N, C-alpha and C. Protein backbone atom coordinates (compact mmCIF):
# COMPACT_ATOMS: atom_id res chain seq x y z
N MET A 1 6.85 -17.75 -15.82
CA MET A 1 6.81 -18.64 -14.68
C MET A 1 5.34 -18.88 -14.32
N PRO A 2 4.95 -20.13 -14.13
CA PRO A 2 3.55 -20.44 -13.81
C PRO A 2 3.11 -19.84 -12.47
N THR A 3 1.90 -19.38 -12.44
CA THR A 3 1.36 -18.74 -11.25
C THR A 3 1.31 -19.68 -10.06
N ASN A 4 0.98 -20.95 -10.30
CA ASN A 4 0.87 -21.89 -9.18
C ASN A 4 2.22 -22.10 -8.48
N ILE A 5 3.30 -22.05 -9.23
CA ILE A 5 4.64 -22.19 -8.64
C ILE A 5 4.94 -20.98 -7.76
N VAL A 6 4.67 -19.80 -8.27
CA VAL A 6 4.90 -18.58 -7.50
C VAL A 6 4.05 -18.58 -6.24
N MET A 7 2.81 -19.04 -6.36
CA MET A 7 1.92 -19.09 -5.19
C MET A 7 2.44 -20.07 -4.14
N GLU A 8 3.02 -21.18 -4.56
CA GLU A 8 3.59 -22.14 -3.60
C GLU A 8 4.75 -21.51 -2.84
N ILE A 9 5.60 -20.79 -3.54
CA ILE A 9 6.74 -20.11 -2.91
C ILE A 9 6.24 -19.04 -1.95
N ILE A 10 5.24 -18.27 -2.37
CA ILE A 10 4.67 -17.23 -1.51
C ILE A 10 4.03 -17.85 -0.28
N GLN A 11 3.35 -18.98 -0.44
CA GLN A 11 2.69 -19.64 0.70
C GLN A 11 3.72 -20.07 1.75
N VAL A 12 4.82 -20.62 1.31
CA VAL A 12 5.88 -21.01 2.24
C VAL A 12 6.41 -19.78 2.97
N THR A 13 6.62 -18.69 2.23
CA THR A 13 7.10 -17.45 2.83
C THR A 13 6.11 -16.91 3.85
N GLN A 14 4.83 -16.92 3.53
CA GLN A 14 3.81 -16.45 4.46
C GLN A 14 3.74 -17.32 5.71
N ASP A 15 3.87 -18.62 5.55
CA ASP A 15 3.88 -19.51 6.70
C ASP A 15 5.07 -19.21 7.61
N LEU A 16 6.20 -18.89 7.01
CA LEU A 16 7.39 -18.53 7.79
C LEU A 16 7.17 -17.23 8.54
N ILE A 17 6.62 -16.23 7.87
CA ILE A 17 6.36 -14.94 8.51
C ILE A 17 5.37 -15.08 9.66
N ALA A 18 4.36 -15.92 9.48
CA ALA A 18 3.33 -16.12 10.50
C ALA A 18 3.79 -17.09 11.60
N ASN A 19 5.04 -17.52 11.54
CA ASN A 19 5.60 -18.45 12.52
C ASN A 19 4.87 -19.79 12.56
N LYS A 20 4.28 -20.19 11.44
CA LYS A 20 3.64 -21.50 11.35
C LYS A 20 4.69 -22.58 11.12
N ILE A 21 5.82 -22.19 10.51
CA ILE A 21 6.91 -23.12 10.26
C ILE A 21 8.22 -22.43 10.64
N THR A 22 9.25 -23.24 10.87
CA THR A 22 10.57 -22.69 11.19
C THR A 22 11.32 -22.36 9.90
N ARG A 23 12.43 -21.68 10.05
CA ARG A 23 13.26 -21.36 8.89
C ARG A 23 13.73 -22.62 8.18
N GLU A 24 14.14 -23.59 8.99
CA GLU A 24 14.64 -24.84 8.41
C GLU A 24 13.54 -25.54 7.62
N MET A 25 12.32 -25.55 8.18
CA MET A 25 11.20 -26.18 7.48
C MET A 25 10.90 -25.44 6.18
N ALA A 26 11.00 -24.11 6.20
CA ALA A 26 10.74 -23.32 4.99
C ALA A 26 11.77 -23.65 3.91
N VAL A 27 13.03 -23.72 4.31
CA VAL A 27 14.09 -24.03 3.35
C VAL A 27 13.86 -25.42 2.75
N ILE A 28 13.52 -26.39 3.60
CA ILE A 28 13.28 -27.75 3.12
C ILE A 28 12.10 -27.78 2.15
N LYS A 29 11.00 -27.09 2.50
CA LYS A 29 9.83 -27.06 1.62
C LYS A 29 10.17 -26.44 0.27
N LEU A 30 10.94 -25.36 0.29
CA LEU A 30 11.30 -24.69 -0.96
C LEU A 30 12.18 -25.58 -1.84
N PHE A 31 13.11 -26.30 -1.24
CA PHE A 31 13.98 -27.16 -2.02
C PHE A 31 13.28 -28.44 -2.48
N LYS A 32 12.19 -28.83 -1.82
CA LYS A 32 11.46 -30.03 -2.21
C LYS A 32 10.50 -29.79 -3.38
N LEU A 33 10.22 -28.53 -3.72
CA LEU A 33 9.31 -28.24 -4.82
C LEU A 33 9.89 -28.77 -6.13
N ASP A 34 9.03 -29.32 -6.96
CA ASP A 34 9.45 -29.85 -8.27
C ASP A 34 9.43 -28.68 -9.26
N LEU A 35 10.61 -28.13 -9.54
CA LEU A 35 10.69 -26.90 -10.32
C LEU A 35 11.62 -27.02 -11.51
N ALA A 36 11.36 -26.17 -12.51
CA ALA A 36 12.28 -26.03 -13.65
C ALA A 36 13.48 -25.19 -13.20
N THR A 37 14.45 -25.01 -14.06
CA THR A 37 15.69 -24.32 -13.70
C THR A 37 15.47 -22.91 -13.18
N ASN A 38 14.75 -22.08 -13.91
CA ASN A 38 14.53 -20.70 -13.48
C ASN A 38 13.69 -20.63 -12.21
N GLU A 39 12.71 -21.50 -12.11
CA GLU A 39 11.87 -21.53 -10.91
C GLU A 39 12.68 -21.98 -9.71
N TYR A 40 13.59 -22.92 -9.93
CA TYR A 40 14.45 -23.39 -8.85
C TYR A 40 15.35 -22.27 -8.35
N LYS A 41 15.84 -21.44 -9.27
CA LYS A 41 16.70 -20.31 -8.89
C LYS A 41 15.94 -19.35 -7.98
N LEU A 42 14.67 -19.09 -8.27
CA LEU A 42 13.86 -18.21 -7.43
C LEU A 42 13.65 -18.84 -6.06
N ALA A 43 13.29 -20.11 -6.02
CA ALA A 43 13.07 -20.79 -4.75
C ALA A 43 14.36 -20.83 -3.92
N LYS A 44 15.49 -21.05 -4.58
CA LYS A 44 16.78 -21.08 -3.88
C LYS A 44 17.10 -19.70 -3.30
N ALA A 45 16.83 -18.63 -4.05
CA ALA A 45 17.08 -17.28 -3.57
C ALA A 45 16.21 -16.97 -2.35
N VAL A 46 14.94 -17.35 -2.39
CA VAL A 46 14.04 -17.12 -1.26
C VAL A 46 14.51 -17.94 -0.05
N ALA A 47 14.94 -19.16 -0.28
CA ALA A 47 15.43 -20.01 0.81
C ALA A 47 16.67 -19.41 1.45
N GLU A 48 17.59 -18.92 0.64
CA GLU A 48 18.81 -18.30 1.18
C GLU A 48 18.47 -17.03 1.94
N LEU A 49 17.52 -16.27 1.45
CA LEU A 49 17.09 -15.06 2.15
C LEU A 49 16.50 -15.42 3.52
N ALA A 50 15.66 -16.42 3.56
CA ALA A 50 15.06 -16.86 4.83
C ALA A 50 16.13 -17.34 5.79
N ARG A 51 17.15 -17.97 5.26
CA ARG A 51 18.22 -18.50 6.10
C ARG A 51 19.09 -17.39 6.68
N LYS A 52 19.27 -16.28 5.94
CA LYS A 52 20.21 -15.24 6.34
C LYS A 52 19.59 -14.05 7.07
N LEU A 53 18.28 -13.92 7.05
CA LEU A 53 17.66 -12.78 7.73
C LEU A 53 17.86 -12.87 9.23
N PRO A 54 17.92 -11.71 9.91
CA PRO A 54 18.06 -11.74 11.37
C PRO A 54 16.85 -12.41 12.02
N ARG A 55 17.05 -13.05 13.15
CA ARG A 55 15.97 -13.76 13.83
C ARG A 55 14.97 -12.80 14.47
N VAL A 56 15.42 -11.60 14.84
CA VAL A 56 14.54 -10.60 15.45
C VAL A 56 14.35 -9.49 14.43
N SER A 57 13.13 -8.98 14.33
CA SER A 57 12.89 -7.90 13.37
C SER A 57 13.71 -6.68 13.75
N LEU A 58 14.09 -5.89 12.77
CA LEU A 58 14.91 -4.72 13.01
C LEU A 58 14.19 -3.69 13.87
N ALA A 59 12.88 -3.57 13.76
CA ALA A 59 12.11 -2.63 14.57
C ALA A 59 12.20 -3.00 16.04
N GLU A 60 12.05 -4.27 16.37
CA GLU A 60 12.15 -4.72 17.75
C GLU A 60 13.55 -4.50 18.29
N GLU A 61 14.54 -4.79 17.49
CA GLU A 61 15.92 -4.66 17.91
C GLU A 61 16.28 -3.21 18.18
N SER A 62 15.84 -2.29 17.33
CA SER A 62 16.17 -0.88 17.50
C SER A 62 15.47 -0.28 18.71
N ASN A 63 14.28 -0.73 19.05
CA ASN A 63 13.57 -0.22 20.22
C ASN A 63 14.25 -0.65 21.52
N GLU A 64 14.85 -1.80 21.54
CA GLU A 64 15.50 -2.30 22.75
C GLU A 64 16.81 -1.58 23.01
N MET A 65 17.39 -0.98 22.00
CA MET A 65 18.68 -0.33 22.16
C MET A 65 18.55 1.11 22.66
N VAL A 66 17.35 1.64 22.72
CA VAL A 66 17.15 3.04 23.11
C VAL A 66 17.27 3.19 24.59
């Protein structure tokens, strides 16, 4: 897999983590990438992960329950 493709996927993920973009924007950016079949599968997996993760980090959630 080409390094530039992986870097694009990582950049979208980092932008999501840094709250520069929303989950929906991250998913859209990942699906808009011009990718080959295997690269598309990776981008789709990352997009689904971003879509399904909890909105609040587990550390924050566990501290509030104490």
